[in-house]
Amino acid sequence: MNALTEALQISKLIKVVPRSRNLESLLLFFAAGLNAFEIAQIQLSILEKITTDLFTYWLPPIAFAFVLHLILRRRASEADPLILPIAVVL
């Protein structure tokens, strides 16, 4: 075997994560921060302080979104990277 065929075989073995999944994870972090900011603003306007209830309302949907992101990364790597972050923001 020459070097070219070895390189082709190695490239077939290595699964490259598409760039769109990295963009989706970046947008998810932004959406998570925006969501935490929104909940903090609501608590500040109503209670005039930030309580630990923020995590009660913030953590479950964000954890679900990141688990869904990992599933999409493994199963549907060519899916649209904007749908999940937009759904999290809404």
C-alpha atoms as a PDB file:
ATOM      1  CA  MET A   1       0.000   0.000   0.000  1.00  0.00           C
ATOM      2  CA  ASN A   2       1.178   3.430  -0.722  1.00  0.00           C
ATOM      3  CA  ALA A   3       0.789   6.490   1.448  1.00  0.00           C
ATOM      4  CA  LEU A   4      -2.246   7.772  -0.449  1.00  0.00           C
ATOM      5  CA  THR A   5      -4.359   4.673   0.133  1.00  0.00           C
ATOM      6  CA  GLU A   6      -3.333   4.585   3.794  1.00  0.00           C
ATOM      7  CA  ALA A   7      -4.383   8.209   4.188  1.00  0.00           C
ATOM      8  CA  LEU A   8      -7.729   7.472   2.551  1.00  0.00           C
ATOM      9  CA  GLN A   9      -8.338   4.516   4.857  1.00  0.00           C
ATOM     10  CA  ILE A  10      -7.455   6.563   7.940  1.00  0.00           C
ATOM     11  CA  SER A  11      -9.748   9.387   6.853  1.00  0.00           C
ATOM     12  CA  LYS A  12     -12.596   6.890   6.498  1.00  0.00           C
ATOM     13  CA  LEU A  13     -11.987   5.622  10.037  1.00  0.00           C
ATOM     14  CA  ILE A  14     -11.949   9.060  11.623  1.00  0.00           C
ATOM     15  CA  LYS A  15     -15.397  10.572  11.797  1.00  0.00           C
ATOM     16  CA  VAL A  16     -15.126  14.319  11.493  1.00  0.00           C
ATOM     17  CA  VAL A  17     -17.671  16.348  13.428  1.00  0.00           C
ATOM     18  CA  PRO A  18     -19.344  18.749  11.024  1.00  0.00           C
ATOM     19  CA  ARG A  19     -18.808  22.404  11.632  1.00  0.00           C
ATOM     20  CA  SER A  20     -22.546  22.956  11.939  1.00  0.00           C
ATOM     21  CA  ARG A  21     -22.639  20.976  15.216  1.00  0.00           C
ATOM     22  CA  ASN A  22     -19.970  23.266  16.672  1.00  0.00           C
ATOM     23  CA  LEU A  23     -22.020  26.273  15.608  1.00  0.00           C
ATOM     24  CA  GLU A  24     -25.070  24.705  17.234  1.00  0.00           C
ATOM     25  CA  SER A  25     -23.238  24.182  20.531  1.00  0.00           C
ATOM     26  CA  LEU A  26     -22.048  27.801  20.512  1.00  0.00           C
ATOM     27  CA  LEU A  27     -25.582  29.024  19.847  1.00  0.00           C
ATOM     28  CA  LEU A  28     -26.897  26.737  22.599  1.00  0.00           C
ATOM     29  CA  PHE A  29     -24.504  28.280  25.118  1.00  0.00           C
ATOM     30  CA  PHE A  30     -25.712  31.718  24.042  1.00  0.00           C
ATOM     31  CA  ALA A  31     -29.359  30.603  24.335  1.00  0.00           C
ATOM     32  CA  ALA A  32     -28.694  29.143  27.804  1.00  0.00           C
ATOM     33  CA  GLY A  33     -27.151  32.411  28.960  1.00  0.00           C
ATOM     34  CA  LEU A  34     -30.016  34.397  27.501  1.00  0.00           C
ATOM     35  CA  ASN A  35     -32.519  32.128  29.229  1.00  0.00           C
ATOM     36  CA  ALA A  36     -30.738  32.520  32.593  1.00  0.00           C
ATOM     37  CA  PHE A  37     -30.683  36.293  32.114  1.00  0.00           C
ATOM     38  CA  GLU A  38     -34.423  36.340  31.395  1.00  0.00           C
ATOM     39  CA  ILE A  39     -35.237  34.316  34.511  1.00  0.00           C
ATOM     40  CA  ALA A  40     -32.939  36.518  36.617  1.00  0.00           C
ATOM     41  CA  GLN A  41     -34.665  39.644  35.298  1.00  0.00           C
ATOM     42  CA  ILE A  42     -38.070  38.245  36.226  1.00  0.00           C
ATOM     43  CA  GLN A  43     -36.884  37.374  39.729  1.00  0.00           C
ATOM     44  CA  LEU A  44     -35.327  40.795  40.194  1.00  0.00           C
ATOM     45  CA  SER A  45     -38.469  42.596  39.068  1.00  0.00           C
ATOM     46  CA  ILE A  46     -40.832  40.554  41.242  1.00  0.00           C
ATOM     47  CA  LEU A  47     -38.784  39.515  44.293  1.00  0.00           C
ATOM     48  CA  GLU A  48     -36.063  42.183  44.065  1.00  0.00           C
ATOM     49  CA  LYS A  49     -33.422  39.484  44.626  1.00  0.00           C
ATOM     50  CA  ILE A  50     -32.087  36.434  42.831  1.00  0.00           C
ATOM     51  CA  THR A  51     -32.878  33.172  44.596  1.00  0.00           C
ATOM     52  CA  THR A  52     -31.713  29.617  44.007  1.00  0.00           C
ATOM     53  CA  ASP A  53     -35.067  28.910  42.364  1.00  0.00           C
ATOM     54  CA  LEU A  54     -33.380  30.243  39.250  1.00  0.00           C
ATOM     55  CA  PHE A  55     -31.665  26.876  38.829  1.00  0.00           C
ATOM     56  CA  THR A  56     -34.940  25.029  39.376  1.00  0.00           C
ATOM     57  CA  TYR A  57     -36.473  26.779  36.380  1.00  0.00           C
ATOM     58  CA  TRP A  58     -33.335  27.080  34.268  1.00  0.00           C
ATOM     59  CA  LEU A  59     -31.521  23.752  34.600  1.00  0.00           C
ATOM     60  CA  PRO A  60     -34.066  21.144  33.358  1.00  0.00           C
ATOM     61  CA  PRO A  61     -34.806  22.701  29.934  1.00  0.00           C
ATOM     62  CA  ILE A  62     -31.143  23.546  29.356  1.00  0.00           C
ATOM     63  CA  ALA A  63     -29.984  20.055  30.353  1.00  0.00           C
ATOM     64  CA  PHE A  64     -32.612  18.564  28.038  1.00  0.00           C
ATOM     65  CA  ALA A  65     -31.432  20.825  25.206  1.00  0.00           C
ATOM     66  CA  PHE A  66     -27.795  19.774  25.638  1.00  0.00           C
ATOM     67  CA  VAL A  67     -28.740  16.079  25.780  1.00  0.00           C
ATOM     68  CA  LEU A  68     -30.735  16.593  22.591  1.00  0.00           C
ATOM     69  CA  HIS A  69     -27.723  18.350  21.083  1.00  0.00           C
ATOM     70  CA  LEU A  70     -25.518  15.337  21.872  1.00  0.00           C
ATOM     71  CA  ILE A  71     -28.072  13.014  20.284  1.00  0.00           C
ATOM     72  CA  LEU A  72     -28.196  15.207  17.185  1.00  0.00           C
ATOM     73  CA  ARG A  73     -24.404  15.275  17.064  1.00  0.00           C
ATOM     74  CA  ARG A  74     -24.298  11.460  16.986  1.00  0.00           C
ATOM     75  CA  ARG A  75     -27.390  10.588  14.945  1.00  0.00           C
ATOM     76  CA  ALA A  76     -28.203  13.535  12.675  1.00  0.00           C
ATOM     77  CA  SER A  77     -24.927  15.295  12.068  1.00  0.00           C
ATOM     78  CA  GLU A  78     -26.211  16.981   8.904  1.00  0.00           C
ATOM     79  CA  ALA A  79     -29.361  18.429  10.504  1.00  0.00           C
ATOM     80  CA  ASP A  80     -30.003  22.157  10.535  1.00  0.00           C
ATOM     81  CA  PRO A  81     -27.943  23.719  13.364  1.00  0.00           C
ATOM     82  CA  LEU A  82     -30.337  26.622  13.951  1.00  0.00           C
ATOM     83  CA  ILE A  83     -33.546  24.817  14.893  1.00  0.00           C
ATOM     84  CA  LEU A  84     -32.562  23.638  18.387  1.00  0.00           C
ATOM     85  CA  PRO A  85     -31.035  26.952  19.595  1.00  0.00           C
ATOM     86  CA  ILE A  86     -34.033  28.897  18.277  1.00  0.00           C
ATOM     87  CA  ALA A  87     -36.395  26.503  20.055  1.00  0.00           C
ATOM     88  CA  VAL A  88     -34.438  26.943  23.302  1.00  0.00           C
ATOM     89  CA  VAL A  89     -34.626  30.729  23.055  1.00  0.00           C
ATOM     90  CA  LEU A  90     -38.362  30.629  22.409  1.00  0.00           C
END
